[in-house]
């Protein structure tokens, strides 16, 4: 069976929109991520110093965002997901002219990459509805090729860091009030960007673990049956409980395909994986 792509025009987009004509995408791919890695689990992170855009052995280019901060490089970078994943069956005949495909009326489960992901134990957290336009210096502003698999995690732990990451002056009242209501004595914000690809694919977050000063966020991509053809980053802003023992960095473990989980942390800047 074939999956469908809705064309929404060329160029880069910060938000996903639907419209235009239909194209096709094969349904038997592995979802939003397609590369396979057989390593399992997360090993210890190696300490090192950021040296610009040096290419590492795992095919990773790191940006120079954290010149004044010691970089902790994730190792391994890619593992297999640690939970079971069952891909749903495709609709029986999405091309039947007598029964036009309705994305709201089918058995496709776009949450299948994380359906069986554990949700406990977890620090308290809340994903915030925050438009990308409120974020300064998104990945569109760095030297990352739009076709690359790029990731960035930023940890915002006080008012000064908030001002350097967010520009809420033009945000709607509800968004601005929610962001400014964050009490940095009790909470931190984690900003996660990944891409580039269809804006119809988004992040979901299952749990946040406190690992001796490391807040590890476990999440996954949605995989809708109908995809828009725009090119964008996927962005999340998560407010999470500040661990009582202190917080050194935030690590994101993001399941992007049936056999692919990517690990990135907040000291690394933009991490671009080779295709």
C-alpha atoms as a PDB file:
ATOM      1  CA  UNK A   1       0.000   0.000   0.000  1.00  0.00           C
ATOM      2  CA  UNK A   2       1.087   3.577  -0.543  1.00  0.00           C
ATOM      3  CA  UNK A   3       1.056   6.420   1.885  1.00  0.00           C
ATOM      4  CA  UNK A   4       0.032   9.851   0.746  1.00  0.00           C
ATOM      5  CA  UNK A   5       1.775  13.178   0.826  1.00  0.00           C
ATOM      6  CA  UNK A   6      -0.080  16.476   0.672  1.00  0.00           C
ATOM      7  CA  UNK A   7       1.910  19.060  -1.289  1.00  0.00           C
ATOM      8  CA  UNK A   8       1.992  22.456   0.360  1.00  0.00           C
ATOM      9  CA  UNK A   9       4.496  24.316  -1.765  1.00  0.00           C
ATOM     10  CA  UNK A  10       8.257  24.638  -1.923  1.00  0.00           C
ATOM     11  CA  UNK A  11      10.732  26.200   0.469  1.00  0.00           C
ATOM     12  CA  UNK A  12      11.190  26.179   4.224  1.00  0.00           C
ATOM     13  CA  UNK A  13       8.266  26.525   6.603  1.00  0.00           C
ATOM     14  CA  UNK A  14       8.118  27.091  10.359  1.00  0.00           C
ATOM     15  CA  UNK A  15       4.580  25.742  10.734  1.00  0.00           C
ATOM     16  CA  UNK A  16       2.770  22.823   9.120  1.00  0.00           C
ATOM     17  CA  UNK A  17      -0.137  23.553   6.797  1.00  0.00           C
ATOM     18  CA  UNK A  18      -2.387  21.325   4.708  1.00  0.00           C
ATOM     19  CA  UNK A  19      -3.490  21.893   1.130  1.00  0.00           C
ATOM     20  CA  UNK A  20      -2.584  21.361  -2.515  1.00  0.00           C
ATOM     21  CA  UNK A  21      -2.563  18.117  -4.477  1.00  0.00           C
ATOM     22  CA  UNK A  22      -1.654  14.576  -3.487  1.00  0.00           C
ATOM     23  CA  UNK A  23       1.526  12.638  -4.129  1.00  0.00           C
ATOM     24  CA  UNK A  24       2.532   9.193  -2.878  1.00  0.00           C
ATOM     25  CA  UNK A  25       4.984   7.872  -0.343  1.00  0.00           C
ATOM     26  CA  UNK A  26       5.587   4.179   0.263  1.00  0.00           C
ATOM     27  CA  UNK A  27       4.019   2.717   3.399  1.00  0.00           C
ATOM     28  CA  UNK A  28       6.570   0.001   3.972  1.00  0.00           C
ATOM     29  CA  UNK A  29       9.364   2.330   5.021  1.00  0.00           C
ATOM     30  CA  UNK A  30      10.354   2.454   8.667  1.00  0.00           C
ATOM     31  CA  UNK A  31       8.555   5.671   9.533  1.00  0.00           C
ATOM     32  CA  UNK A  32      10.128   9.095  10.061  1.00  0.00           C
ATOM     33  CA  UNK A  33      13.602   7.531  10.584  1.00  0.00           C
ATOM     34  CA  UNK A  34      14.915   4.826   8.275  1.00  0.00           C
ATOM     35  CA  UNK A  35      18.520   4.045   9.217  1.00  0.00           C
ATOM     36  CA  UNK A  36      19.077   0.934  11.324  1.00  0.00           C
ATOM     37  CA  UNK A  37      21.538   0.624  14.195  1.00  0.00           C
ATOM     38  CA  UNK A  38      21.868  -2.520  16.250  1.00  0.00           C
ATOM     39  CA  UNK A  39      23.444  -1.011  19.386  1.00  0.00           C
ATOM     40  CA  UNK A  40      21.166  -1.119  22.438  1.00  0.00           C
ATOM     41  CA  UNK A  41      21.026   1.017  25.537  1.00  0.00           C
ATOM     42  CA  UNK A  42      22.806   4.220  26.429  1.00  0.00           C
ATOM     43  CA  UNK A  43      26.434   4.147  27.364  1.00  0.00           C
ATOM     44  CA  UNK A  44      28.316   6.681  29.428  1.00  0.00           C
ATOM     45  CA  UNK A  45      28.941  10.053  27.848  1.00  0.00           C
ATOM     46  CA  UNK A  46      32.501  11.050  26.993  1.00  0.00           C
ATOM     47  CA  UNK A  47      33.717  14.464  28.092  1.00  0.00           C
ATOM     48  CA  UNK A  48      35.431  16.621  25.559  1.00  0.00           C
ATOM     49  CA  UNK A  49      35.707  20.155  24.314  1.00  0.00           C
ATOM     50  CA  UNK A  50      33.703  21.608  21.493  1.00  0.00           C
ATOM     51  CA  UNK A  51      35.967  22.374  18.568  1.00  0.00           C
ATOM     52  CA  UNK A  52      33.583  23.923  16.092  1.00  0.00           C
ATOM     53  CA  UNK A  53      32.204  21.649  13.399  1.00  0.00           C
ATOM     54  CA  UNK A  54      34.591  18.720  13.679  1.00  0.00           C
ATOM     55  CA  UNK A  55      33.159  15.493  12.264  1.00  0.00           C
ATOM     56  CA  UNK A  56      33.170  12.623  14.764  1.00  0.00           C
ATOM     57  CA  UNK A  57      33.463   8.903  14.163  1.00  0.00           C
ATOM     58  CA  UNK A  58      29.691   8.440  14.393  1.00  0.00           C
ATOM     59  CA  UNK A  59      29.039  10.737  11.443  1.00  0.00           C
ATOM     60  CA  UNK A  60      28.103  13.696  13.649  1.00  0.00           C
ATOM     61  CA  UNK A  61      28.841  17.348  12.995  1.00  0.00           C
ATOM     62  CA  UNK A  62      28.542  19.625  16.029  1.00  0.00           C
ATOM     63  CA  UNK A  63      27.889  23.339  15.825  1.00  0.00           C
ATOM     64  CA  UNK A  64      29.911  25.893  17.791  1.00  0.00           C
ATOM     65  CA  UNK A  65      27.038  27.204  19.914  1.00  0.00           C
ATOM     66  CA  UNK A  66      28.613  26.108  23.210  1.00  0.00           C
ATOM     67  CA  UNK A  67      32.104  27.558  22.874  1.00  0.00           C
ATOM     68  CA  UNK A  68      32.237  28.503  26.580  1.00  0.00           C
ATOM     69  CA  UNK A  69      30.688  25.260  27.847  1.00  0.00           C
ATOM     70  CA  UNK A  70      32.274  21.843  28.116  1.00  0.00           C
ATOM     71  CA  UNK A  71      30.665  19.531  25.589  1.00  0.00           C
ATOM     72  CA  UNK A  72      29.503  16.111  26.719  1.00  0.00           C
ATOM     73  CA  UNK A  73      29.201  14.019  23.585  1.00  0.00           C
ATOM     74  CA  UNK A  74      26.537  11.298  23.546  1.00  0.00           C
ATOM     75  CA  UNK A  75      27.989   7.821  23.103  1.00  0.00           C
ATOM     76  CA  UNK A  76      26.369   5.855  21.609  1.00  0.00           C
ATOM     77  CA  UNK A  77      24.585   8.398  19.445  1.00  0.00           C
ATOM     78  CA  UNK A  78      22.105   5.936  17.929  1.00  0.00           C
ATOM     79  CA  UNK A  79      20.539   2.844  19.485  1.00  0.00           C
ATOM     80  CA  UNK A  80      17.547   0.649  18.893  1.00  0.00           C
ATOM     81  CA  UNK A  81      14.406   1.616  20.845  1.00  0.00           C
ATOM     82  CA  UNK A  82      14.182  -0.161  24.206  1.00  0.00           C
ATOM     83  CA  UNK A  83      10.419  -0.751  23.929  1.00  0.00           C
ATOM     84  CA  UNK A  84       8.297  -2.875  21.611  1.00  0.00           C
ATOM     85  CA  UNK A  85       6.957  -1.197  18.471  1.00  0.00           C
ATOM     86  CA  UNK A  86       4.145  -2.610  16.378  1.00  0.00           C
ATOM     87  CA  UNK A  87       3.497  -0.915  13.059  1.00  0.00           C
ATOM     88  CA  UNK A  88      -0.234  -0.684  12.219  1.00  0.00           C
ATOM     89  CA  UNK A  89      -1.737  -2.145   9.073  1.00  0.00           C
ATOM     90  CA  UNK A  90      -2.342   0.296   6.231  1.00  0.00           C
ATOM     91  CA  UNK A  91      -5.925   1.057   5.163  1.00  0.00           C
ATOM     92  CA  UNK A  92      -7.185  -1.648   2.816  1.00  0.00           C
ATOM     93  CA  UNK A  93      -7.574   0.522  -0.298  1.00  0.00           C
ATOM     94  CA  UNK A  94      -6.667   4.192   0.119  1.00  0.00           C
ATOM     95  CA  UNK A  95      -6.991   4.769  -3.649  1.00  0.00           C
ATOM     96  CA  UNK A  96     -10.557   3.522  -4.133  1.00  0.00           C
ATOM     97  CA  UNK A  97     -12.302   6.305  -6.175  1.00  0.00           C
ATOM     98  CA  UNK A  98     -15.673   5.194  -4.831  1.00  0.00           C
ATOM     99  CA  UNK A  99     -14.461   5.565  -1.250  1.00  0.00           C
ATOM    100  CA  UNK A 100     -12.101   8.581  -1.013  1.00  0.00           C
ATOM    101  CA  UNK A 101      -9.487   8.344   1.691  1.00  0.00           C
ATOM    102  CA  UNK A 102     -10.413  10.219   4.865  1.00  0.00           C
ATOM    103  CA  UNK A 103      -7.414  10.650   7.246  1.00  0.00           C
ATOM    104  CA  UNK A 104      -9.847  11.035  10.141  1.00  0.00           C
ATOM    105  CA  UNK A 105     -11.664   7.791   9.374  1.00  0.00           C
ATOM    106  CA  UNK A 106      -9.100   4.975   9.252  1.00  0.00           C
ATOM    107  CA  UNK A 107      -7.361   2.558  11.590  1.00  0.00           C
ATOM    108  CA  UNK A 108      -3.868   3.992  11.127  1.00  0.00           C
ATOM    109  CA  UNK A 109      -2.266   4.792  14.504  1.00  0.00           C
ATOM    110  CA  UNK A 110       0.186   7.659  14.113  1.00  0.00           C
ATOM    111  CA  UNK A 111       1.353   7.195  17.724  1.00  0.00           C
ATOM    112  CA  UNK A 112       2.628   3.642  17.176  1.00  0.00           C
ATOM    113  CA  UNK A 113       6.302   4.540  17.672  1.00  0.00           C
ATOM    114  CA  UNK A 114       5.601   5.334  21.323  1.00  0.00           C
ATOM    115  CA  UNK A 115       2.456   3.411  22.192  1.00  0.00           C
ATOM    116  CA  UNK A 116       4.374   0.974  24.388  1.00  0.00           C
ATOM    117  CA  UNK A 117       6.943   3.436  25.732  1.00  0.00           C
ATOM    118  CA  UNK A 118       7.051   3.500  29.542  1.00  0.00           C
ATOM    119  CA  UNK A 119       5.636   6.604  31.218  1.00  0.00           C
ATOM    120  CA  UNK A 120       7.041   5.946  34.719  1.00  0.00           C
ATOM    121  CA  UNK A 121       9.065   6.765  36.672  1.00  0.00           C
ATOM    122  CA  UNK A 122       9.005  10.390  35.640  1.00  0.00           C
ATOM    123  CA  UNK A 123       9.698  13.876  36.889  1.00  0.00           C
ATOM    124  CA  UNK A 124       6.672  16.099  36.511  1.00  0.00           C
ATOM    125  CA  UNK A 125       6.669  17.753  33.083  1.00  0.00           C
ATOM    126  CA  UNK A 126       4.364  19.614  30.727  1.00  0.00           C
ATOM    127  CA  UNK A 127       4.848  20.239  26.994  1.00  0.00           C
ATOM    128  CA  UNK A 128       3.933  23.861  26.279  1.00  0.00           C
ATOM    129  CA  UNK A 129       2.125  25.107  23.210  1.00  0.00           C
ATOM    130  CA  UNK A 130       4.775  27.541  22.011  1.00  0.00           C
ATOM    131  CA  UNK A 131       4.926  28.809  18.407  1.00  0.00           C
ATOM    132  CA  UNK A 132       8.360  28.576  16.806  1.00  0.00           C
ATOM    133  CA  UNK A 133       8.256  32.321  16.111  1.00  0.00           C
ATOM    134  CA  UNK A 134       8.821  32.947  19.836  1.00  0.00           C
ATOM    135  CA  UNK A 135      12.205  31.193  19.687  1.00  0.00           C
ATOM    136  CA  UNK A 136      15.368  33.106  18.881  1.00  0.00           C
ATOM    137  CA  UNK A 137      17.958  31.506  16.609  1.00  0.00           C
ATOM    138  CA  UNK A 138      16.109  28.404  15.458  1.00  0.00           C
ATOM    139  CA  UNK A 139      18.001  25.798  13.464  1.00  0.00           C
ATOM    140  CA  UNK A 140      17.018  27.689  10.304  1.00  0.00           C
ATOM    141  CA  UNK A 141      19.521  30.295  11.427  1.00  0.00           C
ATOM    142  CA  UNK A 142      22.513  27.946  11.617  1.00  0.00           C
ATOM    143  CA  UNK A 143      24.621  26.239   8.999  1.00  0.00           C
ATOM    144  CA  UNK A 144      22.609  23.021   8.793  1.00  0.00           C
ATOM    145  CA  UNK A 145      21.629  21.686   5.393  1.00  0.00           C
ATOM    146  CA  UNK A 146      17.825  21.397   5.132  1.00  0.00           C
ATOM    147  CA  UNK A 147      18.144  17.798   3.922  1.00  0.00           C
ATOM    148  CA  UNK A 148      20.237  16.751   6.905  1.00  0.00           C
ATOM    149  CA  UNK A 149      19.034  14.945  10.018  1.00  0.00           C
ATOM    150  CA  UNK A 150      19.672  17.685  12.571  1.00  0.00           C
ATOM    151  CA  UNK A 151      18.941  17.943  16.301  1.00  0.00           C
ATOM    152  CA  UNK A 152      19.395  20.525  19.035  1.00  0.00           C
ATOM    153  CA  UNK A 153      18.522  20.544  22.740  1.00  0.00           C
ATOM    154  CA  UNK A 154      18.671  23.710  24.848  1.00  0.00           C
ATOM    155  CA  UNK A 155      18.300  23.903  28.630  1.00  0.00           C
ATOM    156  CA  UNK A 156      16.806  27.131  30.018  1.00  0.00           C
ATOM    157  CA  UNK A 157      17.321  27.356  33.768  1.00  0.00           C
ATOM    158  CA  UNK A 158      16.957  31.021  34.706  1.00  0.00           C
ATOM    159  CA  UNK A 159      15.611  34.372  33.565  1.00  0.00           C
ATOM    160  CA  UNK A 160      18.797  35.384  31.735  1.00  0.00           C
ATOM    161  CA  UNK A 161      18.804  32.174  29.710  1.00  0.00           C
ATOM    162  CA  UNK A 162      15.106  32.657  29.016  1.00  0.00           C
ATOM    163  CA  UNK A 163      15.738  36.105  27.547  1.00  0.00           C
ATOM    164  CA  UNK A 164      18.544  34.744  25.359  1.00  0.00           C
ATOM    165  CA  UNK A 165      16.409  31.900  23.946  1.00  0.00           C
ATOM    166  CA  UNK A 166      12.864  33.322  23.742  1.00  0.00           C
ATOM    167  CA  UNK A 167      11.458  36.480  22.195  1.00  0.00           C
ATOM    168  CA  UNK A 168       7.890  36.660  23.453  1.00  0.00           C
ATOM    169  CA  UNK A 169       7.109  40.291  22.676  1.00  0.00           C
ATOM    170  CA  UNK A 170       5.077  39.395  19.586  1.00  0.00           C
ATOM    171  CA  UNK A 171       3.528  36.251  21.064  1.00  0.00           C
ATOM    172  CA  UNK A 172      -0.182  36.100  21.819  1.00  0.00           C
ATOM    173  CA  UNK A 173      -1.163  36.940  25.396  1.00  0.00           C
ATOM    174  CA  UNK A 174      -1.833  33.338  26.391  1.00  0.00           C
ATOM    175  CA  UNK A 175       1.552  32.098  25.161  1.00  0.00           C
ATOM    176  CA  UNK A 176       3.465  34.998  26.684  1.00  0.00           C
ATOM    177  CA  UNK A 177       1.710  34.682  30.044  1.00  0.00           C
ATOM    178  CA  UNK A 178       2.324  30.920  30.164  1.00  0.00           C
ATOM    179  CA  UNK A 179       6.016  31.235  29.399  1.00  0.00           C
ATOM    180  CA  UNK A 180       6.526  34.056  31.883  1.00  0.00           C
ATOM    181  CA  UNK A 181       4.710  32.080  34.574  1.00  0.00           C
ATOM    182  CA  UNK A 182       7.563  29.546  34.751  1.00  0.00           C
ATOM    183  CA  UNK A 183       9.162  29.635  38.220  1.00  0.00           C
ATOM    184  CA  UNK A 184      12.832  28.839  37.639  1.00  0.00           C
ATOM    185  CA  UNK A 185      13.293  28.060  41.329  1.00  0.00           C
ATOM    186  CA  UNK A 186      11.026  25.059  40.820  1.00  0.00           C
ATOM    187  CA  UNK A 187      11.234  24.285  37.091  1.00  0.00           C
ATOM    188  CA  UNK A 188      13.390  24.460  33.973  1.00  0.00           C
ATOM    189  CA  UNK A 189      12.508  24.663  30.296  1.00  0.00           C
ATOM    190  CA  UNK A 190      13.922  22.294  27.683  1.00  0.00           C
ATOM    191  CA  UNK A 191      13.745  23.317  24.039  1.00  0.00           C
ATOM    192  CA  UNK A 192      14.021  20.482  21.514  1.00  0.00           C
ATOM    193  CA  UNK A 193      14.394  20.998  17.767  1.00  0.00           C
ATOM    194  CA  UNK A 194      14.751  18.262  15.162  1.00  0.00           C
ATOM    195  CA  UNK A 195      14.361  17.981  11.421  1.00  0.00           C
ATOM    196  CA  UNK A 196      14.218  18.718   8.645  1.00  0.00           C
ATOM    197  CA  UNK A 197      11.069  17.212   7.132  1.00  0.00           C
ATOM    198  CA  UNK A 198       7.294  17.224   6.997  1.00  0.00           C
ATOM    199  CA  UNK A 199       5.639  19.554   9.476  1.00  0.00           C
ATOM    200  CA  UNK A 200       2.857  17.019   9.971  1.00  0.00           C
ATOM    201  CA  UNK A 201       5.292  14.932  12.045  1.00  0.00           C
ATOM    202  CA  UNK A 202       5.616  16.050  15.660  1.00  0.00           C
ATOM    203  CA  UNK A 203       7.223  15.183  18.990  1.00  0.00           C
ATOM    204  CA  UNK A 204       5.536  13.286  21.786  1.00  0.00           C
ATOM    205  CA  UNK A 205       7.002  12.941  25.286  1.00  0.00           C
ATOM    206  CA  UNK A 206       6.456   9.931  27.548  1.00  0.00           C
ATOM    207  CA  UNK A 207       8.605  10.511  30.639  1.00  0.00           C
ATOM    208  CA  UNK A 208      11.548  12.451  32.110  1.00  0.00           C
ATOM    209  CA  UNK A 209      14.049  10.666  34.337  1.00  0.00           C
ATOM    210  CA  UNK A 210      16.514  12.189  36.809  1.00  0.00           C
ATOM    211  CA  UNK A 211      19.848  10.439  36.312  1.00  0.00           C
ATOM    212  CA  UNK A 212      22.306  12.005  38.795  1.00  0.00           C
ATOM    213  CA  UNK A 213      21.936  15.568  37.537  1.00  0.00           C
ATOM    214  CA  UNK A 214      20.891  14.642  34.005  1.00  0.00           C
ATOM    215  CA  UNK A 215      17.258  15.120  33.008  1.00  0.00           C
ATOM    216  CA  UNK A 216      16.611  12.479  30.353  1.00  0.00           C
ATOM    217  CA  UNK A 217      13.542  13.060  28.187  1.00  0.00           C
ATOM    218  CA  UNK A 218      12.114  10.005  26.439  1.00  0.00           C
ATOM    219  CA  UNK A 219      10.027  10.787  23.383  1.00  0.00           C
ATOM    220  CA  UNK A 220       9.128   9.765  19.857  1.00  0.00           C
ATOM    221  CA  UNK A 221       7.928  11.034  16.498  1.00  0.00           C
ATOM    222  CA  UNK A 222       4.345  10.788  15.383  1.00  0.00           C
ATOM    223  CA  UNK A 223       3.981   9.096  11.998  1.00  0.00           C
ATOM    224  CA  UNK A 224       0.730  10.202  10.321  1.00  0.00           C
ATOM    225  CA  UNK A 225      -0.530   8.278   7.307  1.00  0.00           C
ATOM    226  CA  UNK A 226      -0.997  11.517   5.381  1.00  0.00           C
ATOM    227  CA  UNK A 227       2.105  13.717   5.307  1.00  0.00           C
ATOM    228  CA  UNK A 228       2.494  17.322   4.247  1.00  0.00           C
ATOM    229  CA  UNK A 229       5.410  17.987   1.884  1.00  0.00           C
ATOM    230  CA  UNK A 230       6.685  21.133   3.615  1.00  0.00           C
ATOM    231  CA  UNK A 231      10.215  21.281   4.980  1.00  0.00           C
ATOM    232  CA  UNK A 232      10.530  22.383   8.584  1.00  0.00           C
ATOM    233  CA  UNK A 233      11.928  21.641  12.013  1.00  0.00           C
ATOM    234  CA  UNK A 234       9.856  19.960  14.709  1.00  0.00           C
ATOM    235  CA  UNK A 235       9.931  22.003  17.908  1.00  0.00           C
ATOM    236  CA  UNK A 236       8.984  21.284  21.518  1.00  0.00           C
ATOM    237  CA  UNK A 237       9.187  23.386  24.666  1.00  0.00           C
ATOM    238  CA  UNK A 238       8.853  21.297  27.829  1.00  0.00           C
ATOM    239  CA  UNK A 239       8.581  22.624  31.372  1.00  0.00           C
ATOM    240  CA  UNK A 240       9.878  20.068  33.830  1.00  0.00           C
ATOM    241  CA  UNK A 241      10.388  19.777  37.536  1.00  0.00           C
ATOM    242  CA  UNK A 242      13.856  20.867  38.654  1.00  0.00           C
ATOM    243  CA  UNK A 243      15.586  17.827  40.190  1.00  0.00           C
ATOM    244  CA  UNK A 244      16.265  18.283  43.903  1.00  0.00           C
ATOM    245  CA  UNK A 245      19.924  17.294  43.550  1.00  0.00           C
ATOM    246  CA  UNK A 246      20.689  19.866  40.846  1.00  0.00           C
ATOM    247  CA  UNK A 247      20.752  19.728  37.066  1.00  0.00           C
ATOM    248  CA  UNK A 248      23.811  19.625  34.816  1.00  0.00           C
ATOM    249  CA  UNK A 249      22.286  18.975  31.410  1.00  0.00           C
ATOM    250  CA  UNK A 250      19.225  17.702  29.580  1.00  0.00           C
ATOM    251  CA  UNK A 251      19.439  14.606  27.386  1.00  0.00           C
ATOM    252  CA  UNK A 252      16.814  13.726  24.778  1.00  0.00           C
ATOM    253  CA  UNK A 253      16.316  10.132  23.638  1.00  0.00           C
ATOM    254  CA  UNK A 254      14.025  10.412  20.628  1.00  0.00           C
ATOM    255  CA  UNK A 255      12.615   7.358  18.835  1.00  0.00           C
ATOM    256  CA  UNK A 256      12.448   8.412  15.180  1.00  0.00           C
ATOM    257  CA  UNK A 257      11.848   5.021  13.548  1.00  0.00           C
ATOM    258  CA  UNK A 258      11.057   1.415  14.332  1.00  0.00           C
ATOM    259  CA  UNK A 259      14.762   0.592  14.717  1.00  0.00           C
ATOM    260  CA  UNK A 260      16.273   3.993  15.420  1.00  0.00           C
ATOM    261  CA  UNK A 261      16.571   6.090  18.577  1.00  0.00           C
ATOM    262  CA  UNK A 262      18.744   9.222  18.604  1.00  0.00           C
ATOM    263  CA  UNK A 263      20.430  10.666  21.711  1.00  0.00           C
ATOM    264  CA  UNK A 264      21.370  14.358  21.954  1.00  0.00           C
ATOM    265  CA  UNK A 265      22.059  16.601  24.958  1.00  0.00           C
ATOM    266  CA  UNK A 266      22.001  20.289  25.780  1.00  0.00           C
ATOM    267  CA  UNK A 267      25.788  20.802  25.745  1.00  0.00           C
ATOM    268  CA  UNK A 268      26.237  19.760  22.114  1.00  0.00           C
ATOM    269  CA  UNK A 269      24.690  22.572  20.080  1.00  0.00           C
ATOM    270  CA  UNK A 270      23.354  21.506  16.693  1.00  0.00           C
ATOM    271  CA  UNK A 271      24.058  17.827  16.002  1.00  0.00           C
ATOM    272  CA  UNK A 272      23.817  16.820  12.347  1.00  0.00           C
ATOM    273  CA  UNK A 273      23.925  13.134  11.442  1.00  0.00           C
ATOM    274  CA  UNK A 274      25.205  11.992   8.082  1.00  0.00           C
ATOM    275  CA  UNK A 275      22.565  10.502   5.813  1.00  0.00           C
END
